[in-house]
PDBML (XML) file of the C-alpha atoms, coordinates in Angstrom:
<?xml version="1.0" encoding="UTF-8" ?>
<PDBx:datablock datablockName="MODEL"
   xmlns:PDBx="http://pdbml.pdb.org/schema/pdbx-v50.xsd"
   xmlns:xsi="http://www.w3.org/2001/XMLSchema-instance"
   xsi:schemaLocation="http://pdbml.pdb.org/schema/pdbx-v50.xsd pdbx-v50.xsd">
   <PDBx:atom_siteCategory>
      <PDBx:atom_site id="1">
         <PDBx:B_iso_or_equiv>0.00</PDBx:B_iso_or_equiv>
         <PDBx:Cartn_x>0.000</PDBx:Cartn_x>
         <PDBx:Cartn_y>0.000</PDBx:Cartn_y>
         <PDBx:Cartn_z>0.000</PDBx:Cartn_z>
         <PDBx:auth_asym_id>A</PDBx:auth_asym_id>
         <PDBx:auth_atom_id>CA</PDBx:auth_atom_id>
         <PDBx:auth_comp_id>THR</PDBx:auth_comp_id>
         <PDBx:auth_seq_id>1</PDBx:auth_seq_id>
         <PDBx:group_PDB>ATOM</PDBx:group_PDB>
         <PDBx:label_alt_id xsi:nil="true" />
         <PDBx:label_asym_id>A</PDBx:label_asym_id>
         <PDBx:label_atom_id>CA</PDBx:label_atom_id>
         <PDBx:label_comp_id>THR</PDBx:label_comp_id>
         <PDBx:label_entity_id>1</PDBx:label_entity_id>
         <PDBx:label_seq_id>1</PDBx:label_seq_id>
         <PDBx:occupancy>1.00</PDBx:occupancy>
         <PDBx:pdbx_PDB_model_num>1</PDBx:pdbx_PDB_model_num>
         <PDBx:type_symbol>C</PDBx:type_symbol>
      </PDBx:atom_site>
      <PDBx:atom_site id="2">
         <PDBx:B_iso_or_equiv>0.00</PDBx:B_iso_or_equiv>
         <PDBx:Cartn_x>2.929</PDBx:Cartn_x>
         <PDBx:Cartn_y>2.391</PDBx:Cartn_y>
         <PDBx:Cartn_z>0.518</PDBx:Cartn_z>
         <PDBx:auth_asym_id>A</PDBx:auth_asym_id>
         <PDBx:auth_atom_id>CA</PDBx:auth_atom_id>
         <PDBx:auth_comp_id>ASP</PDBx:auth_comp_id>
         <PDBx:auth_seq_id>2</PDBx:auth_seq_id>
         <PDBx:group_PDB>ATOM</PDBx:group_PDB>
         <PDBx:label_alt_id xsi:nil="true" />
         <PDBx:label_asym_id>A</PDBx:label_asym_id>
         <PDBx:label_atom_id>CA</PDBx:label_atom_id>
         <PDBx:label_comp_id>ASP</PDBx:label_comp_id>
         <PDBx:label_entity_id>1</PDBx:label_entity_id>
         <PDBx:label_seq_id>2</PDBx:label_seq_id>
         <PDBx:occupancy>1.00</PDBx:occupancy>
         <PDBx:pdbx_PDB_model_num>1</PDBx:pdbx_PDB_model_num>
         <PDBx:type_symbol>C</PDBx:type_symbol>
      </PDBx:atom_site>
      <PDBx:atom_site id="3">
         <PDBx:B_iso_or_equiv>0.00</PDBx:B_iso_or_equiv>
         <PDBx:Cartn_x>4.294</PDBx:Cartn_x>
         <PDBx:Cartn_y>1.741</PDBx:Cartn_y>
         <PDBx:Cartn_z>-3.005</PDBx:Cartn_z>
         <PDBx:auth_asym_id>A</PDBx:auth_asym_id>
         <PDBx:auth_atom_id>CA</PDBx:auth_atom_id>
         <PDBx:auth_comp_id>ARG</PDBx:auth_comp_id>
         <PDBx:auth_seq_id>3</PDBx:auth_seq_id>
         <PDBx:group_PDB>ATOM</PDBx:group_PDB>
         <PDBx:label_alt_id xsi:nil="true" />
         <PDBx:label_asym_id>A</PDBx:label_asym_id>
         <PDBx:label_atom_id>CA</PDBx:label_atom_id>
         <PDBx:label_comp_id>ARG</PDBx:label_comp_id>
         <PDBx:label_entity_id>1</PDBx:label_entity_id>
         <PDBx:label_seq_id>3</PDBx:label_seq_id>
         <PDBx:occupancy>1.00</PDBx:occupancy>
         <PDBx:pdbx_PDB_model_num>1</PDBx:pdbx_PDB_model_num>
         <PDBx:type_symbol>C</PDBx:type_symbol>
      </PDBx:atom_site>
      <PDBx:atom_site id="4">
         <PDBx:B_iso_or_equiv>0.00</PDBx:B_iso_or_equiv>
         <PDBx:Cartn_x>1.459</PDBx:Cartn_x>
         <PDBx:Cartn_y>0.690</PDBx:Cartn_y>
         <PDBx:Cartn_z>-5.261</PDBx:Cartn_z>
         <PDBx:auth_asym_id>A</PDBx:auth_asym_id>
         <PDBx:auth_atom_id>CA</PDBx:auth_atom_id>
         <PDBx:auth_comp_id>HIS</PDBx:auth_comp_id>
         <PDBx:auth_seq_id>4</PDBx:auth_seq_id>
         <PDBx:group_PDB>ATOM</PDBx:group_PDB>
         <PDBx:label_alt_id xsi:nil="true" />
         <PDBx:label_asym_id>A</PDBx:label_asym_id>
         <PDBx:label_atom_id>CA</PDBx:label_atom_id>
         <PDBx:label_comp_id>HIS</PDBx:label_comp_id>
         <PDBx:label_entity_id>1</PDBx:label_entity_id>
         <PDBx:label_seq_id>4</PDBx:label_seq_id>
         <PDBx:occupancy>1.00</PDBx:occupancy>
         <PDBx:pdbx_PDB_model_num>1</PDBx:pdbx_PDB_model_num>
         <PDBx:type_symbol>C</PDBx:type_symbol>
      </PDBx:atom_site>
      <PDBx:atom_site id="5">
         <PDBx:B_iso_or_equiv>0.00</PDBx:B_iso_or_equiv>
         <PDBx:Cartn_x>-1.988</PDBx:Cartn_x>
         <PDBx:Cartn_y>1.975</PDBx:Cartn_y>
         <PDBx:Cartn_z>-6.209</PDBx:Cartn_z>
         <PDBx:auth_asym_id>A</PDBx:auth_asym_id>
         <PDBx:auth_atom_id>CA</PDBx:auth_atom_id>
         <PDBx:auth_comp_id>VAL</PDBx:auth_comp_id>
         <PDBx:auth_seq_id>5</PDBx:auth_seq_id>
         <PDBx:group_PDB>ATOM</PDBx:group_PDB>
         <PDBx:label_alt_id xsi:nil="true" />
         <PDBx:label_asym_id>A</PDBx:label_asym_id>
         <PDBx:label_atom_id>CA</PDBx:label_atom_id>
         <PDBx:label_comp_id>VAL</PDBx:label_comp_id>
         <PDBx:label_entity_id>1</PDBx:label_entity_id>
         <PDBx:label_seq_id>5</PDBx:label_seq_id>
         <PDBx:occupancy>1.00</PDBx:occupancy>
         <PDBx:pdbx_PDB_model_num>1</PDBx:pdbx_PDB_model_num>
         <PDBx:type_symbol>C</PDBx:type_symbol>
      </PDBx:atom_site>
      <PDBx:atom_site id="6">
         <PDBx:B_iso_or_equiv>0.00</PDBx:B_iso_or_equiv>
         <PDBx:Cartn_x>-4.930</PDBx:Cartn_x>
         <PDBx:Cartn_y>-0.411</PDBx:Cartn_y>
         <PDBx:Cartn_z>-6.644</PDBx:Cartn_z>
         <PDBx:auth_asym_id>A</PDBx:auth_asym_id>
         <PDBx:auth_atom_id>CA</PDBx:auth_atom_id>
         <PDBx:auth_comp_id>ARG</PDBx:auth_comp_id>
         <PDBx:auth_seq_id>6</PDBx:auth_seq_id>
         <PDBx:group_PDB>ATOM</PDBx:group_PDB>
         <PDBx:label_alt_id xsi:nil="true" />
         <PDBx:label_asym_id>A</PDBx:label_asym_id>
         <PDBx:label_atom_id>CA</PDBx:label_atom_id>
         <PDBx:label_comp_id>ARG</PDBx:label_comp_id>
         <PDBx:label_entity_id>1</PDBx:label_entity_id>
         <PDBx:label_seq_id>6</PDBx:label_seq_id>
         <PDBx:occupancy>1.00</PDBx:occupancy>
         <PDBx:pdbx_PDB_model_num>1</PDBx:pdbx_PDB_model_num>
         <PDBx:type_symbol>C</PDBx:type_symbol>
      </PDBx:atom_site>
      <PDBx:atom_site id="7">
         <PDBx:B_iso_or_equiv>0.00</PDBx:B_iso_or_equiv>
         <PDBx:Cartn_x>-8.589</PDBx:Cartn_x>
         <PDBx:Cartn_y>0.167</PDBx:Cartn_y>
         <PDBx:Cartn_z>-7.357</PDBx:Cartn_z>
         <PDBx:auth_asym_id>A</PDBx:auth_asym_id>
         <PDBx:auth_atom_id>CA</PDBx:auth_atom_id>
         <PDBx:auth_comp_id>GLY</PDBx:auth_comp_id>
         <PDBx:auth_seq_id>7</PDBx:auth_seq_id>
         <PDBx:group_PDB>ATOM</PDBx:group_PDB>
         <PDBx:label_alt_id xsi:nil="true" />
         <PDBx:label_asym_id>A</PDBx:label_asym_id>
         <PDBx:label_atom_id>CA</PDBx:label_atom_id>
         <PDBx:label_comp_id>GLY</PDBx:label_comp_id>
         <PDBx:label_entity_id>1</PDBx:label_entity_id>
         <PDBx:label_seq_id>7</PDBx:label_seq_id>
         <PDBx:occupancy>1.00</PDBx:occupancy>
         <PDBx:pdbx_PDB_model_num>1</PDBx:pdbx_PDB_model_num>
         <PDBx:type_symbol>C</PDBx:type_symbol>
      </PDBx:atom_site>
      <PDBx:atom_site id="8">
         <PDBx:B_iso_or_equiv>0.00</PDBx:B_iso_or_equiv>
         <PDBx:Cartn_x>-11.428</PDBx:Cartn_x>
         <PDBx:Cartn_y>-0.338</PDBx:Cartn_y>
         <PDBx:Cartn_z>-9.821</PDBx:Cartn_z>
         <PDBx:auth_asym_id>A</PDBx:auth_asym_id>
         <PDBx:auth_atom_id>CA</PDBx:auth_atom_id>
         <PDBx:auth_comp_id>THR</PDBx:auth_comp_id>
         <PDBx:auth_seq_id>8</PDBx:auth_seq_id>
         <PDBx:group_PDB>ATOM</PDBx:group_PDB>
         <PDBx:label_alt_id xsi:nil="true" />
         <PDBx:label_asym_id>A</PDBx:label_asym_id>
         <PDBx:label_atom_id>CA</PDBx:label_atom_id>
         <PDBx:label_comp_id>THR</PDBx:label_comp_id>
         <PDBx:label_entity_id>1</PDBx:label_entity_id>
         <PDBx:label_seq_id>8</PDBx:label_seq_id>
         <PDBx:occupancy>1.00</PDBx:occupancy>
         <PDBx:pdbx_PDB_model_num>1</PDBx:pdbx_PDB_model_num>
         <PDBx:type_symbol>C</PDBx:type_symbol>
      </PDBx:atom_site>
      <PDBx:atom_site id="9">
         <PDBx:B_iso_or_equiv>0.00</PDBx:B_iso_or_equiv>
         <PDBx:Cartn_x>-12.854</PDBx:Cartn_x>
         <PDBx:Cartn_y>1.323</PDBx:Cartn_y>
         <PDBx:Cartn_z>-12.922</PDBx:Cartn_z>
         <PDBx:auth_asym_id>A</PDBx:auth_asym_id>
         <PDBx:auth_atom_id>CA</PDBx:auth_atom_id>
         <PDBx:auth_comp_id>GLY</PDBx:auth_comp_id>
         <PDBx:auth_seq_id>9</PDBx:auth_seq_id>
         <PDBx:group_PDB>ATOM</PDBx:group_PDB>
         <PDBx:label_alt_id xsi:nil="true" />
         <PDBx:label_asym_id>A</PDBx:label_asym_id>
         <PDBx:label_atom_id>CA</PDBx:label_atom_id>
         <PDBx:label_comp_id>GLY</PDBx:label_comp_id>
         <PDBx:label_entity_id>1</PDBx:label_entity_id>
         <PDBx:label_seq_id>9</PDBx:label_seq_id>
         <PDBx:occupancy>1.00</PDBx:occupancy>
         <PDBx:pdbx_PDB_model_num>1</PDBx:pdbx_PDB_model_num>
         <PDBx:type_symbol>C</PDBx:type_symbol>
      </PDBx:atom_site>
      <PDBx:atom_site id="10">
         <PDBx:B_iso_or_equiv>0.00</PDBx:B_iso_or_equiv>
         <PDBx:Cartn_x>-14.322</PDBx:Cartn_x>
         <PDBx:Cartn_y>0.412</PDBx:Cartn_y>
         <PDBx:Cartn_z>-16.298</PDBx:Cartn_z>
         <PDBx:auth_asym_id>A</PDBx:auth_asym_id>
         <PDBx:auth_atom_id>CA</PDBx:auth_atom_id>
         <PDBx:auth_comp_id>ASP</PDBx:auth_comp_id>
         <PDBx:auth_seq_id>10</PDBx:auth_seq_id>
         <PDBx:group_PDB>ATOM</PDBx:group_PDB>
         <PDBx:label_alt_id xsi:nil="true" />
         <PDBx:label_asym_id>A</PDBx:label_asym_id>
         <PDBx:label_atom_id>CA</PDBx:label_atom_id>
         <PDBx:label_comp_id>ASP</PDBx:label_comp_id>
         <PDBx:label_entity_id>1</PDBx:label_entity_id>
         <PDBx:label_seq_id>10</PDBx:label_seq_id>
         <PDBx:occupancy>1.00</PDBx:occupancy>
         <PDBx:pdbx_PDB_model_num>1</PDBx:pdbx_PDB_model_num>
         <PDBx:type_symbol>C</PDBx:type_symbol>
      </PDBx:atom_site>
      <PDBx:atom_site id="11">
         <PDBx:B_iso_or_equiv>0.00</PDBx:B_iso_or_equiv>
         <PDBx:Cartn_x>-11.249</PDBx:Cartn_x>
         <PDBx:Cartn_y>0.567</PDBx:Cartn_y>
         <PDBx:Cartn_z>-18.519</PDBx:Cartn_z>
         <PDBx:auth_asym_id>A</PDBx:auth_asym_id>
         <PDBx:auth_atom_id>CA</PDBx:auth_atom_id>
         <PDBx:auth_comp_id>VAL</PDBx:auth_comp_id>
         <PDBx:auth_seq_id>11</PDBx:auth_seq_id>
         <PDBx:group_PDB>ATOM</PDBx:group_PDB>
         <PDBx:label_alt_id xsi:nil="true" />
         <PDBx:label_asym_id>A</PDBx:label_asym_id>
         <PDBx:label_atom_id>CA</PDBx:label_atom_id>
         <PDBx:label_comp_id>VAL</PDBx:label_comp_id>
         <PDBx:label_entity_id>1</PDBx:label_entity_id>
         <PDBx:label_seq_id>11</PDBx:label_seq_id>
         <PDBx:occupancy>1.00</PDBx:occupancy>
         <PDBx:pdbx_PDB_model_num>1</PDBx:pdbx_PDB_model_num>
         <PDBx:type_symbol>C</PDBx:type_symbol>
      </PDBx:atom_site>
      <PDBx:atom_site id="12">
         <PDBx:B_iso_or_equiv>0.00</PDBx:B_iso_or_equiv>
         <PDBx:Cartn_x>-12.614</PDBx:Cartn_x>
         <PDBx:Cartn_y>-1.351</PDBx:Cartn_y>
         <PDBx:Cartn_z>-21.523</PDBx:Cartn_z>
         <PDBx:auth_asym_id>A</PDBx:auth_asym_id>
         <PDBx:auth_atom_id>CA</PDBx:auth_atom_id>
         <PDBx:auth_comp_id>ASN</PDBx:auth_comp_id>
         <PDBx:auth_seq_id>12</PDBx:auth_seq_id>
         <PDBx:group_PDB>ATOM</PDBx:group_PDB>
         <PDBx:label_alt_id xsi:nil="true" />
         <PDBx:label_asym_id>A</PDBx:label_asym_id>
         <PDBx:label_atom_id>CA</PDBx:label_atom_id>
         <PDBx:label_comp_id>ASN</PDBx:label_comp_id>
         <PDBx:label_entity_id>1</PDBx:label_entity_id>
         <PDBx:label_seq_id>12</PDBx:label_seq_id>
         <PDBx:occupancy>1.00</PDBx:occupancy>
         <PDBx:pdbx_PDB_model_num>1</PDBx:pdbx_PDB_model_num>
         <PDBx:type_symbol>C</PDBx:type_symbol>
      </PDBx:atom_site>
      <PDBx:atom_site id="13">
         <PDBx:B_iso_or_equiv>0.00</PDBx:B_iso_or_equiv>
         <PDBx:Cartn_x>-16.102</PDBx:Cartn_x>
         <PDBx:Cartn_y>0.198</PDBx:Cartn_y>
         <PDBx:Cartn_z>-21.509</PDBx:Cartn_z>
         <PDBx:auth_asym_id>A</PDBx:auth_asym_id>
         <PDBx:auth_atom_id>CA</PDBx:auth_atom_id>
         <PDBx:auth_comp_id>GLY</PDBx:auth_comp_id>
         <PDBx:auth_seq_id>13</PDBx:auth_seq_id>
         <PDBx:group_PDB>ATOM</PDBx:group_PDB>
         <PDBx:label_alt_id xsi:nil="true" />
         <PDBx:label_asym_id>A</PDBx:label_asym_id>
         <PDBx:label_atom_id>CA</PDBx:label_atom_id>
         <PDBx:label_comp_id>GLY</PDBx:label_comp_id>
         <PDBx:label_entity_id>1</PDBx:label_entity_id>
         <PDBx:label_seq_id>13</PDBx:label_seq_id>
         <PDBx:occupancy>1.00</PDBx:occupancy>
         <PDBx:pdbx_PDB_model_num>1</PDBx:pdbx_PDB_model_num>
         <PDBx:type_symbol>C</PDBx:type_symbol>
      </PDBx:atom_site>
      <PDBx:atom_site id="14">
         <PDBx:B_iso_or_equiv>0.00</PDBx:B_iso_or_equiv>
         <PDBx:Cartn_x>-18.144</PDBx:Cartn_x>
         <PDBx:Cartn_y>-3.003</PDBx:Cartn_y>
         <PDBx:Cartn_z>-21.190</PDBx:Cartn_z>
         <PDBx:auth_asym_id>A</PDBx:auth_asym_id>
         <PDBx:auth_atom_id>CA</PDBx:auth_atom_id>
         <PDBx:auth_comp_id>ASP</PDBx:auth_comp_id>
         <PDBx:auth_seq_id>14</PDBx:auth_seq_id>
         <PDBx:group_PDB>ATOM</PDBx:group_PDB>
         <PDBx:label_alt_id xsi:nil="true" />
         <PDBx:label_asym_id>A</PDBx:label_asym_id>
         <PDBx:label_atom_id>CA</PDBx:label_atom_id>
         <PDBx:label_comp_id>ASP</PDBx:label_comp_id>
         <PDBx:label_entity_id>1</PDBx:label_entity_id>
         <PDBx:label_seq_id>14</PDBx:label_seq_id>
         <PDBx:occupancy>1.00</PDBx:occupancy>
         <PDBx:pdbx_PDB_model_num>1</PDBx:pdbx_PDB_model_num>
         <PDBx:type_symbol>C</PDBx:type_symbol>
      </PDBx:atom_site>
      <PDBx:atom_site id="15">
         <PDBx:B_iso_or_equiv>0.00</PDBx:B_iso_or_equiv>
         <PDBx:Cartn_x>-20.089</PDBx:Cartn_x>
         <PDBx:Cartn_y>-1.911</PDBx:Cartn_y>
         <PDBx:Cartn_z>-18.106</PDBx:Cartn_z>
         <PDBx:auth_asym_id>A</PDBx:auth_asym_id>
         <PDBx:auth_atom_id>CA</PDBx:auth_atom_id>
         <PDBx:auth_comp_id>GLY</PDBx:auth_comp_id>
         <PDBx:auth_seq_id>15</PDBx:auth_seq_id>
         <PDBx:group_PDB>ATOM</PDBx:group_PDB>
         <PDBx:label_alt_id xsi:nil="true" />
         <PDBx:label_asym_id>A</PDBx:label_asym_id>
         <PDBx:label_atom_id>CA</PDBx:label_atom_id>
         <PDBx:label_comp_id>GLY</PDBx:label_comp_id>
         <PDBx:label_entity_id>1</PDBx:label_entity_id>
         <PDBx:label_seq_id>15</PDBx:label_seq_id>
         <PDBx:occupancy>1.00</PDBx:occupancy>
         <PDBx:pdbx_PDB_model_num>1</PDBx:pdbx_PDB_model_num>
         <PDBx:type_symbol>C</PDBx:type_symbol>
      </PDBx:atom_site>
      <PDBx:atom_site id="16">
         <PDBx:B_iso_or_equiv>0.00</PDBx:B_iso_or_equiv>
         <PDBx:Cartn_x>-18.087</PDBx:Cartn_x>
         <PDBx:Cartn_y>-4.085</PDBx:Cartn_y>
         <PDBx:Cartn_z>-15.710</PDBx:Cartn_z>
         <PDBx:auth_asym_id>A</PDBx:auth_asym_id>
         <PDBx:auth_atom_id>CA</PDBx:auth_atom_id>
         <PDBx:auth_comp_id>HIS</PDBx:auth_comp_id>
         <PDBx:auth_seq_id>16</PDBx:auth_seq_id>
         <PDBx:group_PDB>ATOM</PDBx:group_PDB>
         <PDBx:label_alt_id xsi:nil="true" />
         <PDBx:label_asym_id>A</PDBx:label_asym_id>
         <PDBx:label_atom_id>CA</PDBx:label_atom_id>
         <PDBx:label_comp_id>HIS</PDBx:label_comp_id>
         <PDBx:label_entity_id>1</PDBx:label_entity_id>
         <PDBx:label_seq_id>16</PDBx:label_seq_id>
         <PDBx:occupancy>1.00</PDBx:occupancy>
         <PDBx:pdbx_PDB_model_num>1</PDBx:pdbx_PDB_model_num>
         <PDBx:type_symbol>C</PDBx:type_symbol>
      </PDBx:atom_site>
      <PDBx:atom_site id="17">
         <PDBx:B_iso_or_equiv>0.00</PDBx:B_iso_or_equiv>
         <PDBx:Cartn_x>-15.668</PDBx:Cartn_x>
         <PDBx:Cartn_y>-2.674</PDBx:Cartn_y>
         <PDBx:Cartn_z>-13.158</PDBx:Cartn_z>
         <PDBx:auth_asym_id>A</PDBx:auth_asym_id>
         <PDBx:auth_atom_id>CA</PDBx:auth_atom_id>
         <PDBx:auth_comp_id>ALA</PDBx:auth_comp_id>
         <PDBx:auth_seq_id>17</PDBx:auth_seq_id>
         <PDBx:group_PDB>ATOM</PDBx:group_PDB>
         <PDBx:label_alt_id xsi:nil="true" />
         <PDBx:label_asym_id>A</PDBx:label_asym_id>
         <PDBx:label_atom_id>CA</PDBx:label_atom_id>
         <PDBx:label_comp_id>ALA</PDBx:label_comp_id>
         <PDBx:label_entity_id>1</PDBx:label_entity_id>
         <PDBx:label_seq_id>17</PDBx:label_seq_id>
         <PDBx:occupancy>1.00</PDBx:occupancy>
         <PDBx:pdbx_PDB_model_num>1</PDBx:pdbx_PDB_model_num>
         <PDBx:type_symbol>C</PDBx:type_symbol>
      </PDBx:atom_site>
      <PDBx:atom_site id="18">
         <PDBx:B_iso_or_equiv>0.00</PDBx:B_iso_or_equiv>
         <PDBx:Cartn_x>-12.123</PDBx:Cartn_x>
         <PDBx:Cartn_y>-3.828</PDBx:Cartn_y>
         <PDBx:Cartn_z>-13.826</PDBx:Cartn_z>
         <PDBx:auth_asym_id>A</PDBx:auth_asym_id>
         <PDBx:auth_atom_id>CA</PDBx:auth_atom_id>
         <PDBx:auth_comp_id>ASP</PDBx:auth_comp_id>
         <PDBx:auth_seq_id>18</PDBx:auth_seq_id>
         <PDBx:group_PDB>ATOM</PDBx:group_PDB>
         <PDBx:label_alt_id xsi:nil="true" />
         <PDBx:label_asym_id>A</PDBx:label_asym_id>
         <PDBx:label_atom_id>CA</PDBx:label_atom_id>
         <PDBx:label_comp_id>ASP</PDBx:label_comp_id>
         <PDBx:label_entity_id>1</PDBx:label_entity_id>
         <PDBx:label_seq_id>18</PDBx:label_seq_id>
         <PDBx:occupancy>1.00</PDBx:occupancy>
         <PDBx:pdbx_PDB_model_num>1</PDBx:pdbx_PDB_model_num>
         <PDBx:type_symbol>C</PDBx:type_symbol>
      </PDBx:atom_site>
      <PDBx:atom_site id="19">
         <PDBx:B_iso_or_equiv>0.00</PDBx:B_iso_or_equiv>
         <PDBx:Cartn_x>-9.260</PDBx:Cartn_x>
         <PDBx:Cartn_y>-4.062</PDBx:Cartn_y>
         <PDBx:Cartn_z>-11.363</PDBx:Cartn_z>
         <PDBx:auth_asym_id>A</PDBx:auth_asym_id>
         <PDBx:auth_atom_id>CA</PDBx:auth_atom_id>
         <PDBx:auth_comp_id>VAL</PDBx:auth_comp_id>
         <PDBx:auth_seq_id>19</PDBx:auth_seq_id>
         <PDBx:group_PDB>ATOM</PDBx:group_PDB>
         <PDBx:label_alt_id xsi:nil="true" />
         <PDBx:label_asym_id>A</PDBx:label_asym_id>
         <PDBx:label_atom_id>CA</PDBx:label_atom_id>
         <PDBx:label_comp_id>VAL</PDBx:label_comp_id>
         <PDBx:label_entity_id>1</PDBx:label_entity_id>
         <PDBx:label_seq_id>19</PDBx:label_seq_id>
         <PDBx:occupancy>1.00</PDBx:occupancy>
         <PDBx:pdbx_PDB_model_num>1</PDBx:pdbx_PDB_model_num>
         <PDBx:type_symbol>C</PDBx:type_symbol>
      </PDBx:atom_site>
      <PDBx:atom_site id="20">
         <PDBx:B_iso_or_equiv>0.00</PDBx:B_iso_or_equiv>
         <PDBx:Cartn_x>-6.370</PDBx:Cartn_x>
         <PDBx:Cartn_y>-1.670</PDBx:Cartn_y>
         <PDBx:Cartn_z>-11.986</PDBx:Cartn_z>
         <PDBx:auth_asym_id>A</PDBx:auth_asym_id>
         <PDBx:auth_atom_id>CA</PDBx:auth_atom_id>
         <PDBx:auth_comp_id>VAL</PDBx:auth_comp_id>
         <PDBx:auth_seq_id>20</PDBx:auth_seq_id>
         <PDBx:group_PDB>ATOM</PDBx:group_PDB>
         <PDBx:label_alt_id xsi:nil="true" />
         <PDBx:label_asym_id>A</PDBx:label_asym_id>
         <PDBx:label_atom_id>CA</PDBx:label_atom_id>
         <PDBx:label_comp_id>VAL</PDBx:label_comp_id>
         <PDBx:label_entity_id>1</PDBx:label_entity_id>
         <PDBx:label_seq_id>20</PDBx:label_seq_id>
         <PDBx:occupancy>1.00</PDBx:occupancy>
         <PDBx:pdbx_PDB_model_num>1</PDBx:pdbx_PDB_model_num>
         <PDBx:type_symbol>C</PDBx:type_symbol>
      </PDBx:atom_site>
      <PDBx:atom_site id="21">
         <PDBx:B_iso_or_equiv>0.00</PDBx:B_iso_or_equiv>
         <PDBx:Cartn_x>-3.063</PDBx:Cartn_x>
         <PDBx:Cartn_y>-1.938</PDBx:Cartn_y>
         <PDBx:Cartn_z>-10.205</PDBx:Cartn_z>
         <PDBx:auth_asym_id>A</PDBx:auth_asym_id>
         <PDBx:auth_atom_id>CA</PDBx:auth_atom_id>
         <PDBx:auth_comp_id>GLY</PDBx:auth_comp_id>
         <PDBx:auth_seq_id>21</PDBx:auth_seq_id>
         <PDBx:group_PDB>ATOM</PDBx:group_PDB>
         <PDBx:label_alt_id xsi:nil="true" />
         <PDBx:label_asym_id>A</PDBx:label_asym_id>
         <PDBx:label_atom_id>CA</PDBx:label_atom_id>
         <PDBx:label_comp_id>GLY</PDBx:label_comp_id>
         <PDBx:label_entity_id>1</PDBx:label_entity_id>
         <PDBx:label_seq_id>21</PDBx:label_seq_id>
         <PDBx:occupancy>1.00</PDBx:occupancy>
         <PDBx:pdbx_PDB_model_num>1</PDBx:pdbx_PDB_model_num>
         <PDBx:type_symbol>C</PDBx:type_symbol>
      </PDBx:atom_site>
      <PDBx:atom_site id="22">
         <PDBx:B_iso_or_equiv>0.00</PDBx:B_iso_or_equiv>
         <PDBx:Cartn_x>-0.151</PDBx:Cartn_x>
         <PDBx:Cartn_y>0.427</PDBx:Cartn_y>
         <PDBx:Cartn_z>-10.667</PDBx:Cartn_z>
         <PDBx:auth_asym_id>A</PDBx:auth_asym_id>
         <PDBx:auth_atom_id>CA</PDBx:auth_atom_id>
         <PDBx:auth_comp_id>ILE</PDBx:auth_comp_id>
         <PDBx:auth_seq_id>22</PDBx:auth_seq_id>
         <PDBx:group_PDB>ATOM</PDBx:group_PDB>
         <PDBx:label_alt_id xsi:nil="true" />
         <PDBx:label_asym_id>A</PDBx:label_asym_id>
         <PDBx:label_atom_id>CA</PDBx:label_atom_id>
         <PDBx:label_comp_id>ILE</PDBx:label_comp_id>
         <PDBx:label_entity_id>1</PDBx:label_entity_id>
         <PDBx:label_seq_id>22</PDBx:label_seq_id>
         <PDBx:occupancy>1.00</PDBx:occupancy>
         <PDBx:pdbx_PDB_model_num>1</PDBx:pdbx_PDB_model_num>
         <PDBx:type_symbol>C</PDBx:type_symbol>
      </PDBx:atom_site>
      <PDBx:atom_site id="23">
         <PDBx:B_iso_or_equiv>0.00</PDBx:B_iso_or_equiv>
         <PDBx:Cartn_x>2.873</PDBx:Cartn_x>
         <PDBx:Cartn_y>-1.491</PDBx:Cartn_y>
         <PDBx:Cartn_z>-9.470</PDBx:Cartn_z>
         <PDBx:auth_asym_id>A</PDBx:auth_asym_id>
         <PDBx:auth_atom_id>CA</PDBx:auth_atom_id>
         <PDBx:auth_comp_id>GLY</PDBx:auth_comp_id>
         <PDBx:auth_seq_id>23</PDBx:auth_seq_id>
         <PDBx:group_PDB>ATOM</PDBx:group_PDB>
         <PDBx:label_alt_id xsi:nil="true" />
         <PDBx:label_asym_id>A</PDBx:label_asym_id>
         <PDBx:label_atom_id>CA</PDBx:label_atom_id>
         <PDBx:label_comp_id>GLY</PDBx:label_comp_id>
         <PDBx:label_entity_id>1</PDBx:label_entity_id>
         <PDBx:label_seq_id>23</PDBx:label_seq_id>
         <PDBx:occupancy>1.00</PDBx:occupancy>
         <PDBx:pdbx_PDB_model_num>1</PDBx:pdbx_PDB_model_num>
         <PDBx:type_symbol>C</PDBx:type_symbol>
      </PDBx:atom_site>
      <PDBx:atom_site id="24">
         <PDBx:B_iso_or_equiv>0.00</PDBx:B_iso_or_equiv>
         <PDBx:Cartn_x>6.622</PDBx:Cartn_x>
         <PDBx:Cartn_y>-1.478</PDBx:Cartn_y>
         <PDBx:Cartn_z>-9.875</PDBx:Cartn_z>
         <PDBx:auth_asym_id>A</PDBx:auth_asym_id>
         <PDBx:auth_atom_id>CA</PDBx:auth_atom_id>
         <PDBx:auth_comp_id>ASP</PDBx:auth_comp_id>
         <PDBx:auth_seq_id>24</PDBx:auth_seq_id>
         <PDBx:group_PDB>ATOM</PDBx:group_PDB>
         <PDBx:label_alt_id xsi:nil="true" />
         <PDBx:label_asym_id>A</PDBx:label_asym_id>
         <PDBx:label_atom_id>CA</PDBx:label_atom_id>
         <PDBx:label_comp_id>ASP</PDBx:label_comp_id>
         <PDBx:label_entity_id>1</PDBx:label_entity_id>
         <PDBx:label_seq_id>24</PDBx:label_seq_id>
         <PDBx:occupancy>1.00</PDBx:occupancy>
         <PDBx:pdbx_PDB_model_num>1</PDBx:pdbx_PDB_model_num>
         <PDBx:type_symbol>C</PDBx:type_symbol>
      </PDBx:atom_site>
   </PDBx:atom_siteCategory>
</PDBx:datablock>
């Protein structure tokens, strides 16, 4: 949690929330 960002959003536009993680 102190290095990486994680959350949800509809990245591909299909109406389903996707999981997005910004890691190393």
